Amino acid sequence: MRHRSKPTVRRALPALLGAVFALGTSLALPPLASAARVSNSVAVFSGIDKITGRITTFDVYIGETVQFGALQVTPRVCYSRDDTEAPKTTTFVEVDEITLDRKIRRIFTGWMFADSPGLNAVEHPVYDVWLKDCKAKSDLPPPDTAQAKPAQ
């Protein structure tokens, strides 16, 4: 004895699926909540000199280059969120190394995340650098009113 499915079920299934799809796409769903990112003018980095074990925290204005040991750190943007939102602090940064023969070599270009410092930190044989925070102002004068000074 052969078992056959009923022809009415076969015909009804595509119509039923189409109706469910149409209903699902026509429902007015609220837009996803998206926290607005706040653009900051200062990125706050920490760096460690592995020889001395000294950790230094330093502010860098967006577009400014600050030297930390043999590294030059230049943040391009620094984003955070409002205090009422979950923290998410990021920066896009370029890091160059000054080699022993005084040449400049790019060793890092990319995003750093303050909540995951080990994810995209700059790891150098002597120096490590990672993002700590972003902020709107610094105690240091902006680079157009003062010369860029070494962080160390």
C-alpha atoms as a PDB file:
ATOM      1  CA  MET A   1       0.000   0.000   0.000  1.00  0.00           C
ATOM      2  CA  ARG A   2       1.414   3.370  -0.989  1.00  0.00           C
ATOM      3  CA  HIS A   3       0.983   6.445   1.123  1.00  0.00           C
ATOM      4  CA  ARG A   4       0.253   9.651  -0.733  1.00  0.00           C
ATOM      5  CA  SER A   5       0.063  13.138   0.603  1.00  0.00           C
ATOM      6  CA  LYS A   6      -3.140  14.954   0.045  1.00  0.00           C
ATOM      7  CA  PRO A   7      -3.110  17.296  -2.970  1.00  0.00           C
ATOM      8  CA  THR A   8      -4.876  20.056  -1.058  1.00  0.00           C
ATOM      9  CA  VAL A   9      -2.034  20.261   1.477  1.00  0.00           C
ATOM     10  CA  ARG A  10       0.537  20.581  -1.320  1.00  0.00           C
ATOM     11  CA  ARG A  11      -1.385  23.444  -2.888  1.00  0.00           C
ATOM     12  CA  ALA A  12      -2.157  25.155   0.398  1.00  0.00           C
ATOM     13  CA  LEU A  13       1.404  25.170   1.757  1.00  0.00           C
ATOM     14  CA  PRO A  14       2.883  27.724  -0.716  1.00  0.00           C
ATOM     15  CA  ALA A  15      -0.119  29.990  -0.225  1.00  0.00           C
ATOM     16  CA  LEU A  16       0.205  29.694   3.556  1.00  0.00           C
ATOM     17  CA  LEU A  17       3.937  30.464   3.476  1.00  0.00           C
ATOM     18  CA  GLY A  18       3.326  33.443   1.224  1.00  0.00           C
ATOM     19  CA  ALA A  19       0.687  34.796   3.603  1.00  0.00           C
ATOM     20  CA  VAL A  20       2.999  34.394   6.615  1.00  0.00           C
ATOM     21  CA  PHE A  21       5.814  36.168   4.760  1.00  0.00           C
ATOM     22  CA  ALA A  22       3.526  39.022   3.691  1.00  0.00           C
ATOM     23  CA  LEU A  23       2.244  39.405   7.229  1.00  0.00           C
ATOM     24  CA  GLY A  24       5.742  39.401   8.677  1.00  0.00           C
ATOM     25  CA  THR A  25       7.038  42.044   6.284  1.00  0.00           C
ATOM     26  CA  SER A  26       4.011  44.282   6.682  1.00  0.00           C
ATOM     27  CA  LEU A  27       4.156  44.505  10.456  1.00  0.00           C
ATOM     28  CA  ALA A  28       5.379  47.848  11.650  1.00  0.00           C
ATOM     29  CA  LEU A  29       8.429  46.970  13.701  1.00  0.00           C
ATOM     30  CA  PRO A  30      10.097  49.679  15.759  1.00  0.00           C
ATOM     31  CA  PRO A  31      13.508  50.720  14.446  1.00  0.00           C
ATOM     32  CA  LEU A  32      16.478  49.155  16.153  1.00  0.00           C
ATOM     33  CA  ALA A  33      17.851  51.314  18.910  1.00  0.00           C
ATOM     34  CA  SER A  34      21.217  52.596  17.859  1.00  0.00           C
ATOM     35  CA  ALA A  35      23.409  54.546  20.215  1.00  0.00           C
ATOM     36  CA  ALA A  36      24.783  57.618  18.546  1.00  0.00           C
ATOM     37  CA  ARG A  37      28.525  57.748  18.605  1.00  0.00           C
ATOM     38  CA  VAL A  38      30.193  60.797  20.017  1.00  0.00           C
ATOM     39  CA  SER A  39      33.163  62.151  18.113  1.00  0.00           C
ATOM     40  CA  ASN A  40      35.933  63.300  20.460  1.00  0.00           C
ATOM     41  CA  SER A  41      38.945  65.506  19.889  1.00  0.00           C
ATOM     42  CA  VAL A  42      41.344  63.610  22.182  1.00  0.00           C
ATOM     43  CA  ALA A  43      42.355  59.945  22.346  1.00  0.00           C
ATOM     44  CA  VAL A  44      43.843  58.658  25.600  1.00  0.00           C
ATOM     45  CA  PHE A  45      46.457  55.930  25.219  1.00  0.00           C
ATOM     46  CA  SER A  46      48.542  53.907  27.617  1.00  0.00           C
ATOM     47  CA  GLY A  47      51.912  52.515  26.725  1.00  0.00           C
ATOM     48  CA  ILE A  48      54.391  50.267  28.447  1.00  0.00           C
ATOM     49  CA  ASP A  49      58.143  50.330  28.112  1.00  0.00           C
ATOM     50  CA  LYS A  50      58.961  46.630  28.521  1.00  0.00           C
ATOM     51  CA  ILE A  51      62.572  47.363  29.474  1.00  0.00           C
ATOM     52  CA  THR A  52      61.734  49.555  32.481  1.00  0.00           C
ATOM     53  CA  GLY A  53      58.220  48.224  33.141  1.00  0.00           C
ATOM     54  CA  ARG A  54      56.970  51.809  33.217  1.00  0.00           C
ATOM     55  CA  ILE A  55      53.383  52.435  32.066  1.00  0.00           C
ATOM     56  CA  THR A  56      52.598  55.896  30.742  1.00  0.00           C
ATOM     57  CA  THR A  57      49.176  57.357  29.948  1.00  0.00           C
ATOM     58  CA  PHE A  58      49.130  60.141  27.386  1.00  0.00           C
ATOM     59  CA  ASP A  59      46.606  62.296  25.536  1.00  0.00           C
ATOM     60  CA  VAL A  60      46.811  62.760  21.778  1.00  0.00           C
ATOM     61  CA  TYR A  61      44.646  65.179  19.811  1.00  0.00           C
ATOM     62  CA  ILE A  62      43.035  63.796  16.659  1.00  0.00           C
ATOM     63  CA  GLY A  63      45.463  64.275  13.763  1.00  0.00           C
ATOM     64  CA  GLU A  64      48.371  65.013  16.113  1.00  0.00           C
ATOM     65  CA  THR A  65      51.414  62.746  16.277  1.00  0.00           C
ATOM     66  CA  VAL A  66      52.946  62.003  19.667  1.00  0.00           C
ATOM     67  CA  GLN A  67      56.117  60.042  20.171  1.00  0.00           C
ATOM     68  CA  PHE A  68      56.174  57.257  22.757  1.00  0.00           C
ATOM     69  CA  GLY A  69      59.659  55.772  22.890  1.00  0.00           C
ATOM     70  CA  ALA A  70      60.488  54.724  19.320  1.00  0.00           C
ATOM     71  CA  LEU A  71      56.810  54.825  18.289  1.00  0.00           C
ATOM     72  CA  GLN A  72      54.830  57.670  16.759  1.00  0.00           C
ATOM     73  CA  VAL A  73      51.096  57.474  17.502  1.00  0.00           C
ATOM     74  CA  THR A  74      48.583  59.366  15.320  1.00  0.00           C
ATOM     75  CA  PRO A  75      44.848  58.909  16.002  1.00  0.00           C
ATOM     76  CA  ARG A  76      42.541  59.815  13.111  1.00  0.00           C
ATOM     77  CA  VAL A  77      39.181  59.544  14.917  1.00  0.00           C
ATOM     78  CA  CYS A  78      38.075  58.671  18.443  1.00  0.00           C
ATOM     79  CA  TYR A  79      34.490  57.651  19.135  1.00  0.00           C
ATOM     80  CA  SER A  80      32.658  56.994  22.365  1.00  0.00           C
ATOM     81  CA  ARG A  81      29.018  56.856  23.456  1.00  0.00           C
ATOM     82  CA  ASP A  82      26.864  58.944  25.727  1.00  0.00           C
ATOM     83  CA  ASP A  83      27.187  58.170  29.452  1.00  0.00           C
ATOM     84  CA  THR A  84      23.707  56.597  29.432  1.00  0.00           C
ATOM     85  CA  GLU A  85      24.764  53.951  26.866  1.00  0.00           C
ATOM     86  CA  ALA A  86      26.955  50.886  27.221  1.00  0.00           C
ATOM     87  CA  PRO A  87      30.586  51.931  26.754  1.00  0.00           C
ATOM     88  CA  LYS A  88      32.111  51.445  23.330  1.00  0.00           C
ATOM     89  CA  THR A  89      35.218  53.513  22.816  1.00  0.00           C
ATOM     90  CA  THR A  90      37.124  53.136  19.549  1.00  0.00           C
ATOM     91  CA  THR A  91      39.839  54.916  17.647  1.00  0.00           C
ATOM     92  CA  PHE A  92      41.343  54.568  14.220  1.00  0.00           C
ATOM     93  CA  VAL A  93      45.071  55.030  14.670  1.00  0.00           C
ATOM     94  CA  GLU A  94      48.313  54.864  12.749  1.00  0.00           C
ATOM     95  CA  VAL A  95      51.505  53.865  14.531  1.00  0.00           C
ATOM     96  CA  ASP A  96      54.964  54.251  13.034  1.00  0.00           C
ATOM     97  CA  GLU A  97      58.279  53.019  14.360  1.00  0.00           C
ATOM     98  CA  ILE A  98      61.476  55.028  14.145  1.00  0.00           C
ATOM     99  CA  THR A  99      64.087  52.427  13.281  1.00  0.00           C
ATOM    100  CA  LEU A 100      67.705  52.452  14.453  1.00  0.00           C
ATOM    101  CA  ASP A 101      68.778  53.847  11.076  1.00  0.00           C
ATOM    102  CA  ARG A 102      66.274  56.714  11.599  1.00  0.00           C
ATOM    103  CA  LYS A 103      63.762  55.543   9.023  1.00  0.00           C
ATOM    104  CA  ILE A 104      60.055  55.639   9.719  1.00  0.00           C
ATOM    105  CA  ARG A 105      58.209  52.364   9.227  1.00  0.00           C
ATOM    106  CA  ARG A 106      54.433  51.892   9.603  1.00  0.00           C
ATOM    107  CA  ILE A 107      53.780  49.026  12.007  1.00  0.00           C
ATOM    108  CA  PHE A 108      50.054  49.438  12.651  1.00  0.00           C
ATOM    109  CA  THR A 109      47.021  50.968  10.961  1.00  0.00           C
ATOM    110  CA  GLY A 110      43.591  50.086  12.247  1.00  0.00           C
ATOM    111  CA  TRP A 111      40.943  50.236  14.930  1.00  0.00           C
ATOM    112  CA  MET A 112      41.636  49.940  18.634  1.00  0.00           C
ATOM    113  CA  PHE A 113      38.937  49.179  21.182  1.00  0.00           C
ATOM    114  CA  ALA A 114      39.198  50.392  24.769  1.00  0.00           C
ATOM    115  CA  ASP A 115      36.992  47.585  26.086  1.00  0.00           C
ATOM    116  CA  SER A 116      39.256  44.957  24.444  1.00  0.00           C
ATOM    117  CA  PRO A 117      42.774  46.368  24.805  1.00  0.00           C
ATOM    118  CA  GLY A 118      44.488  43.143  23.813  1.00  0.00           C
ATOM    119  CA  LEU A 119      42.492  42.751  20.612  1.00  0.00           C
ATOM    120  CA  ASN A 120      44.262  45.366  18.476  1.00  0.00           C
ATOM    121  CA  ALA A 121      46.944  46.783  20.716  1.00  0.00           C
ATOM    122  CA  VAL A 122      50.292  47.633  19.175  1.00  0.00           C
ATOM    123  CA  GLU A 123      52.767  44.987  20.249  1.00  0.00           C
ATOM    124  CA  HIS A 124      56.353  45.971  19.636  1.00  0.00           C
ATOM    125  CA  PRO A 125      59.485  44.239  20.974  1.00  0.00           C
ATOM    126  CA  VAL A 126      60.075  47.126  23.409  1.00  0.00           C
ATOM    127  CA  TYR A 127      56.794  49.115  23.548  1.00  0.00           C
ATOM    128  CA  ASP A 128      53.110  48.240  23.658  1.00  0.00           C
ATOM    129  CA  VAL A 129      50.389  50.857  23.122  1.00  0.00           C
ATOM    130  CA  TRP A 130      46.635  50.539  23.636  1.00  0.00           C
ATOM    131  CA  LEU A 131      43.561  52.799  23.750  1.00  0.00           C
ATOM    132  CA  LYS A 132      42.189  53.710  27.175  1.00  0.00           C
ATOM    133  CA  ASP A 133      39.556  56.341  26.441  1.00  0.00           C
ATOM    134  CA  CYS A 134      38.368  59.225  24.306  1.00  0.00           C
ATOM    135  CA  LYS A 135      37.504  62.651  25.612  1.00  0.00           C
ATOM    136  CA  ALA A 136      36.431  66.060  24.387  1.00  0.00           C
ATOM    137  CA  LYS A 137      39.174  68.084  26.118  1.00  0.00           C
ATOM    138  CA  SER A 138      42.668  67.641  27.452  1.00  0.00           C
ATOM    139  CA  ASP A 139      44.710  69.498  30.031  1.00  0.00           C
ATOM    140  CA  LEU A 140      47.355  69.819  27.318  1.00  0.00           C
ATOM    141  CA  PRO A 141      46.983  72.637  24.792  1.00  0.00           C
ATOM    142  CA  PRO A 142      45.902  71.611  21.277  1.00  0.00           C
ATOM    143  CA  PRO A 143      48.727  71.080  18.761  1.00  0.00           C
ATOM    144  CA  ASP A 144      48.112  74.330  16.869  1.00  0.00           C
ATOM    145  CA  THR A 145      48.958  76.352  20.005  1.00  0.00           C
ATOM    146  CA  ALA A 146      51.893  74.235  21.196  1.00  0.00           C
ATOM    147  CA  GLN A 147      54.580  72.029  19.694  1.00  0.00           C
ATOM    148  CA  ALA A 148      53.987  68.280  19.853  1.00  0.00           C
ATOM    149  CA  LYS A 149      55.911  66.912  22.815  1.00  0.00           C
ATOM    150  CA  PRO A 150      57.116  63.382  23.476  1.00  0.00           C
ATOM    151  CA  ALA A 151      54.875  61.325  25.767  1.00  0.00           C
ATOM    152  CA  GLN A 152      57.885  60.023  27.591  1.00  0.00           C
END
